[in-house]
Structure formats: C-alpha cells, structure tokens
Amino acid sequence: MREIDDKVKDGLSQLDRVDVQSPTKEDIIALIQKTKRKQRREAILFFIVTLILVNIVVFSIARLPAIYVTMNIILIGLLPVLLVWGLVKRWRDRYE
C-alpha cells in the first residue's frame, strides 16, 4: 500500500511541474478538420462494406455462381468507391 501511495505522490508532483498550456484556436480548428476527415472516411467505408455484405447475402440466397457475386461486388462496390475517392480527393485538393 505504501508503494502505491509513493507512486501517487510522485505522479502528483510531476503534474505540478508540468506547464500546461491551453490549445490555441489554430490547434482546435486543425483537430476539428482532422476529426471531420476521419468521420467522412469511416462513413464511406461503412457504406461500402454494408453494400458489399448485402450483395453477398442476396447473391448467396439466390444461389448464383461465384463469378456473378465477384462481378457484382466489383460493379456495385469498387467502382463507386473509386468514383467517390476521386471526387473527395479533387475537392480536398481544391478547397483545403
């Protein structure tokens, strides 16, 4: 127990020595932009994965050959991904 108390006291003394600064407006704006990019990326990824999984389930229920599933995933999943990725990249290059 004494060892834990010593560690807590040492940690508190280190906190007292640290010079804590509040973030600047630029830091906050950069963090918000980074978070928005992450959320956009996650939303697009979620949409694509959901679309692919739904296609796999529908085609497996329909009992079609695997080549149809592969072609459908390419047409329904990958082409929109490439299109959205290209549009987002162009927009980001232009406005950020």
N, C-alpha and C. Protein backbone atom coordinates (compact mmCIF):
# COMPACT_ATOMS: atom_id res chain seq x y z
N MET A 1 0.83 -1.19 0.00
CA MET A 1 0.00 0.00 0.00
C MET A 1 0.87 1.25 0.00
N ARG A 2 1.95 1.18 0.77
CA ARG A 2 2.85 2.34 0.85
C ARG A 2 3.48 2.63 -0.52
N GLU A 3 3.76 1.56 -1.26
CA GLU A 3 4.37 1.73 -2.59
C GLU A 3 3.41 2.46 -3.53
N ILE A 4 2.13 2.14 -3.45
CA ILE A 4 1.13 2.81 -4.29
C ILE A 4 1.03 4.28 -3.90
N ASP A 5 1.04 4.57 -2.59
CA ASP A 5 0.99 5.97 -2.14
C ASP A 5 2.18 6.76 -2.66
N ASP A 6 3.36 6.13 -2.65
CA ASP A 6 4.56 6.81 -3.16
C ASP A 6 4.43 7.12 -4.65
N LYS A 7 3.88 6.16 -5.41
CA LYS A 7 3.70 6.38 -6.85
C LYS A 7 2.71 7.50 -7.11
N VAL A 8 1.63 7.54 -6.32
CA VAL A 8 0.63 8.59 -6.49
C VAL A 8 1.23 9.95 -6.18
N LYS A 9 2.00 10.04 -5.09
CA LYS A 9 2.63 11.31 -4.73
C LYS A 9 3.62 11.75 -5.79
N ASP A 10 4.38 10.79 -6.32
CA ASP A 10 5.35 11.12 -7.37
C ASP A 10 4.63 11.62 -8.62
N GLY A 11 3.52 10.97 -8.97
CA GLY A 11 2.76 11.41 -10.14
C GLY A 11 2.18 12.80 -9.94
N LEU A 12 1.67 13.08 -8.75
CA LEU A 12 1.12 14.41 -8.47
C LEU A 12 2.21 15.47 -8.51
N SER A 13 3.39 15.14 -8.00
CA SER A 13 4.47 16.13 -8.04
C SER A 13 4.92 16.38 -9.48
N GLN A 14 4.88 15.35 -10.33
CA GLN A 14 5.22 15.55 -11.74
C GLN A 14 4.18 16.43 -12.43
N LEU A 15 2.92 16.24 -12.08
CA LEU A 15 1.87 17.08 -12.66
C LEU A 15 2.04 18.54 -12.25
N ASP A 16 2.48 18.76 -11.03
CA ASP A 16 2.70 20.13 -10.57
C ASP A 16 3.82 20.80 -11.37
N ARG A 17 4.80 20.02 -11.80
CA ARG A 17 5.94 20.58 -12.51
C ARG A 17 5.65 20.84 -13.99
N VAL A 18 4.66 20.17 -14.54
CA VAL A 18 4.35 20.30 -15.96
C VAL A 18 3.65 21.64 -16.20
N ASP A 19 4.12 22.34 -17.22
CA ASP A 19 3.49 23.61 -17.59
C ASP A 19 2.40 23.32 -18.62
N VAL A 20 1.16 23.34 -18.17
CA VAL A 20 0.04 23.00 -19.03
C VAL A 20 -0.42 24.27 -19.75
N GLN A 21 -0.52 24.17 -21.09
CA GLN A 21 -0.97 25.31 -21.88
C GLN A 21 -2.31 24.96 -22.52
N SER A 22 -3.17 25.94 -22.62
CA SER A 22 -4.45 25.70 -23.29
C SER A 22 -4.21 25.73 -24.80
N PRO A 23 -4.97 24.93 -25.55
CA PRO A 23 -4.75 24.88 -27.01
C PRO A 23 -5.14 26.21 -27.67
N THR A 24 -4.44 26.50 -28.73
CA THR A 24 -4.74 27.73 -29.47
C THR A 24 -5.93 27.48 -30.41
N LYS A 25 -6.43 28.55 -30.99
CA LYS A 25 -7.56 28.45 -31.91
C LYS A 25 -7.17 27.62 -33.13
N GLU A 26 -5.95 27.79 -33.62
CA GLU A 26 -5.48 27.02 -34.78
C GLU A 26 -5.42 25.53 -34.47
N ASP A 27 -4.98 25.19 -33.24
CA ASP A 27 -4.93 23.77 -32.85
C ASP A 27 -6.32 23.16 -32.83
N ILE A 28 -7.28 23.90 -32.31
CA ILE A 28 -8.65 23.40 -32.24
C ILE A 28 -9.23 23.22 -33.64
N ILE A 29 -9.00 24.19 -34.52
CA ILE A 29 -9.51 24.08 -35.90
C ILE A 29 -8.88 22.90 -36.62
N ALA A 30 -7.57 22.70 -36.43
CA ALA A 30 -6.89 21.56 -37.06
C ALA A 30 -7.45 20.24 -36.55
N LEU A 31 -7.72 20.17 -35.26
CA LEU A 31 -8.28 18.95 -34.68
C LEU A 31 -9.68 18.68 -35.21
N ILE A 32 -10.48 19.73 -35.36
CA ILE A 32 -11.84 19.57 -35.91
C ILE A 32 -11.78 19.07 -37.35
N GLN A 33 -10.89 19.65 -38.16
CA GLN A 33 -10.77 19.21 -39.56
C GLN A 33 -10.31 17.76 -39.65
N LYS A 34 -9.37 17.40 -38.79
CA LYS A 34 -8.87 16.02 -38.78
C LYS A 34 -10.01 15.06 -38.40
N THR A 35 -10.80 15.45 -37.41
CA THR A 35 -11.91 14.61 -36.97
C THR A 35 -12.97 14.47 -38.06
N LYS A 36 -13.26 15.57 -38.76
CA LYS A 36 -14.24 15.51 -39.86
C LYS A 36 -13.76 14.58 -40.96
N ARG A 37 -12.47 14.65 -41.30
CA ARG A 37 -11.93 13.75 -42.33
C ARG A 37 -12.08 12.29 -41.91
N LYS A 38 -11.76 12.02 -40.64
CA LYS A 38 -11.88 10.65 -40.14
C LYS A 38 -13.32 10.17 -40.21
N GLN A 39 -14.25 11.02 -39.81
CA GLN A 39 -15.66 10.63 -39.82
C GLN A 39 -16.14 10.39 -41.25
N ARG A 40 -15.71 11.23 -42.19
CA ARG A 40 -16.08 11.03 -43.60
C ARG A 40 -15.56 9.69 -44.09
N ARG A 41 -14.30 9.42 -43.80
CA ARG A 41 -13.68 8.17 -44.24
C ARG A 41 -14.41 6.98 -43.65
N GLU A 42 -14.74 7.05 -42.35
CA GLU A 42 -15.43 5.95 -41.70
C GLU A 42 -16.84 5.75 -42.28
N ALA A 43 -17.52 6.85 -42.58
CA ALA A 43 -18.88 6.75 -43.14
C ALA A 43 -18.85 6.10 -44.51
N ILE A 44 -17.91 6.52 -45.35
CA ILE A 44 -17.79 5.93 -46.69
C ILE A 44 -17.44 4.45 -46.59
N LEU A 45 -16.50 4.12 -45.70
CA LEU A 45 -16.10 2.73 -45.53
C LEU A 45 -17.28 1.89 -45.03
N PHE A 46 -18.04 2.41 -44.08
CA PHE A 46 -19.21 1.69 -43.56
C PHE A 46 -20.22 1.44 -44.67
N PHE A 47 -20.49 2.45 -45.49
CA PHE A 47 -21.44 2.32 -46.59
C PHE A 47 -20.98 1.24 -47.56
N ILE A 48 -19.71 1.25 -47.90
CA ILE A 48 -19.19 0.31 -48.89
C ILE A 48 -19.22 -1.12 -48.35
N VAL A 49 -18.78 -1.28 -47.11
CA VAL A 49 -18.78 -2.63 -46.52
C VAL A 49 -20.21 -3.16 -46.41
N THR A 50 -21.14 -2.30 -46.00
CA THR A 50 -22.54 -2.72 -45.92
C THR A 50 -23.07 -3.12 -47.29
N LEU A 51 -22.76 -2.33 -48.30
CA LEU A 51 -23.21 -2.63 -49.66
C LEU A 51 -22.66 -3.98 -50.13
N ILE A 52 -21.40 -4.22 -49.88
CA ILE A 52 -20.78 -5.48 -50.30
C ILE A 52 -21.40 -6.66 -49.55
N LEU A 53 -21.60 -6.51 -48.24
CA LEU A 53 -22.19 -7.60 -47.47
C LEU A 53 -23.62 -7.90 -47.90
N VAL A 54 -24.39 -6.87 -48.18
CA VAL A 54 -25.76 -7.08 -48.65
C VAL A 54 -25.75 -7.81 -49.99
N ASN A 55 -24.84 -7.42 -50.89
CA ASN A 55 -24.75 -8.10 -52.18
C ASN A 55 -24.38 -9.57 -52.01
N ILE A 56 -23.46 -9.85 -51.13
CA ILE A 56 -23.06 -11.25 -50.90
C ILE A 56 -24.24 -12.05 -50.37
N VAL A 57 -24.98 -11.50 -49.43
CA VAL A 57 -26.12 -12.22 -48.86
C VAL A 57 -27.20 -12.44 -49.92
N VAL A 58 -27.51 -11.41 -50.68
CA VAL A 58 -28.55 -11.54 -51.72
C VAL A 58 -28.15 -12.58 -52.75
N PHE A 59 -26.91 -12.54 -53.19
CA PHE A 59 -26.47 -13.50 -54.20
C PHE A 59 -26.36 -14.91 -53.64
N SER A 60 -26.02 -15.05 -52.37
CA SER A 60 -25.96 -16.39 -51.80
C SER A 60 -27.36 -16.97 -51.62
N ILE A 61 -28.33 -16.12 -51.31
CA ILE A 61 -29.71 -16.59 -51.21
C ILE A 61 -30.22 -17.00 -52.59
N ALA A 62 -29.84 -16.25 -53.62
CA ALA A 62 -30.28 -16.55 -54.98
C ALA A 62 -29.55 -17.76 -55.57
N ARG A 63 -28.51 -18.22 -54.91
CA ARG A 63 -27.71 -19.39 -55.33
C ARG A 63 -27.15 -19.24 -56.74
N LEU A 64 -26.56 -18.09 -56.98
CA LEU A 64 -25.92 -17.86 -58.27
C LEU A 64 -24.44 -18.25 -58.17
N PRO A 65 -23.82 -18.51 -59.30
CA PRO A 65 -22.40 -18.87 -59.27
C PRO A 65 -21.53 -17.74 -58.70
N ALA A 66 -20.36 -18.11 -58.23
CA ALA A 66 -19.47 -17.16 -57.57
C ALA A 66 -19.00 -16.04 -58.50
N ILE A 67 -18.91 -16.32 -59.79
CA ILE A 67 -18.45 -15.29 -60.72
C ILE A 67 -19.41 -14.11 -60.76
N TYR A 68 -20.72 -14.37 -60.62
CA TYR A 68 -21.69 -13.28 -60.58
C TYR A 68 -21.51 -12.43 -59.32
N VAL A 69 -21.24 -13.10 -58.21
CA VAL A 69 -21.01 -12.37 -56.96
C VAL A 69 -19.79 -11.48 -57.10
N THR A 70 -18.72 -12.01 -57.67
CA THR A 70 -17.49 -11.23 -57.85
C THR A 70 -17.72 -10.04 -58.77
N MET A 71 -18.40 -10.27 -59.87
CA MET A 71 -18.67 -9.17 -60.80
C MET A 71 -19.56 -8.12 -60.16
N ASN A 72 -20.54 -8.56 -59.40
CA ASN A 72 -21.44 -7.61 -58.75
C ASN A 72 -20.70 -6.79 -57.70
N ILE A 73 -19.83 -7.42 -56.93
CA ILE A 73 -19.05 -6.68 -55.94
C ILE A 73 -18.17 -5.64 -56.62
N ILE A 74 -17.58 -6.01 -57.75
CA ILE A 74 -16.73 -5.06 -58.47
C ILE A 74 -17.56 -3.89 -58.99
N LEU A 75 -18.69 -4.20 -59.59
CA LEU A 75 -19.51 -3.13 -60.18
C LEU A 75 -20.22 -2.29 -59.12
N ILE A 76 -20.76 -2.92 -58.10
CA ILE A 76 -21.54 -2.21 -57.10
C ILE A 76 -20.66 -1.65 -55.98
N GLY A 77 -19.59 -2.34 -55.66
CA GLY A 77 -18.77 -1.92 -54.53
C GLY A 77 -17.56 -1.09 -54.89
N LEU A 78 -16.76 -1.56 -55.83
CA LEU A 78 -15.48 -0.91 -56.08
C LEU A 78 -15.56 0.31 -56.98
N LEU A 79 -16.40 0.26 -58.00
CA LEU A 79 -16.49 1.42 -58.89
C LEU A 79 -17.00 2.68 -58.18
N PRO A 80 -18.07 2.58 -57.38
CA PRO A 80 -18.47 3.78 -56.62
C PRO A 80 -17.40 4.24 -55.63
N VAL A 81 -16.67 3.29 -55.06
CA VAL A 81 -15.58 3.67 -54.14
C VAL A 81 -14.55 4.50 -54.87
N LEU A 82 -14.13 4.04 -56.03
CA LEU A 82 -13.13 4.78 -56.79
C LEU A 82 -13.66 6.15 -57.22
N LEU A 83 -14.92 6.19 -57.61
CA LEU A 83 -15.52 7.46 -58.01
C LEU A 83 -15.58 8.44 -56.84
N VAL A 84 -16.08 7.98 -55.70
CA VAL A 84 -16.17 8.85 -54.52
C VAL A 84 -14.79 9.27 -54.06
N TRP A 85 -13.85 8.33 -54.06
CA TRP A 85 -12.48 8.65 -53.64
C TRP A 85 -11.88 9.73 -54.54
N GLY A 86 -12.08 9.60 -55.84
CA GLY A 86 -11.56 10.60 -56.77
C GLY A 86 -12.20 11.96 -56.56
N LEU A 87 -13.52 11.98 -56.37
CA LEU A 87 -14.21 13.25 -56.14
C LEU A 87 -13.76 13.91 -54.84
N VAL A 88 -13.65 13.12 -53.78
CA VAL A 88 -13.22 13.67 -52.50
C VAL A 88 -11.80 14.19 -52.59
N LYS A 89 -10.93 13.46 -53.28
CA LYS A 89 -9.53 13.89 -53.42
C LYS A 89 -9.46 15.21 -54.19
N ARG A 90 -10.20 15.33 -55.28
CA ARG A 90 -10.20 16.58 -56.06
C ARG A 90 -10.75 17.73 -55.24
N TRP A 91 -11.84 17.48 -54.51
CA TRP A 91 -12.44 18.53 -53.69
C TRP A 91 -11.47 18.97 -52.61
N ARG A 92 -10.81 18.00 -51.97
CA ARG A 92 -9.88 18.31 -50.88
C ARG A 92 -8.68 19.10 -51.41
N ASP A 93 -8.17 18.72 -52.57
CA ASP A 93 -7.05 19.45 -53.16
C ASP A 93 -7.44 20.88 -53.51
N ARG A 94 -8.66 21.06 -53.92
CA ARG A 94 -9.11 22.39 -54.35
C ARG A 94 -9.41 23.31 -53.17
N TYR A 95 -10.05 22.79 -52.12
CA TYR A 95 -10.56 23.66 -51.07
C TYR A 95 -9.79 23.62 -49.76
N GLU A 96 -8.86 22.72 -49.60
CA GLU A 96 -8.12 22.68 -48.33
C GLU A 96 -6.68 23.06 -48.52
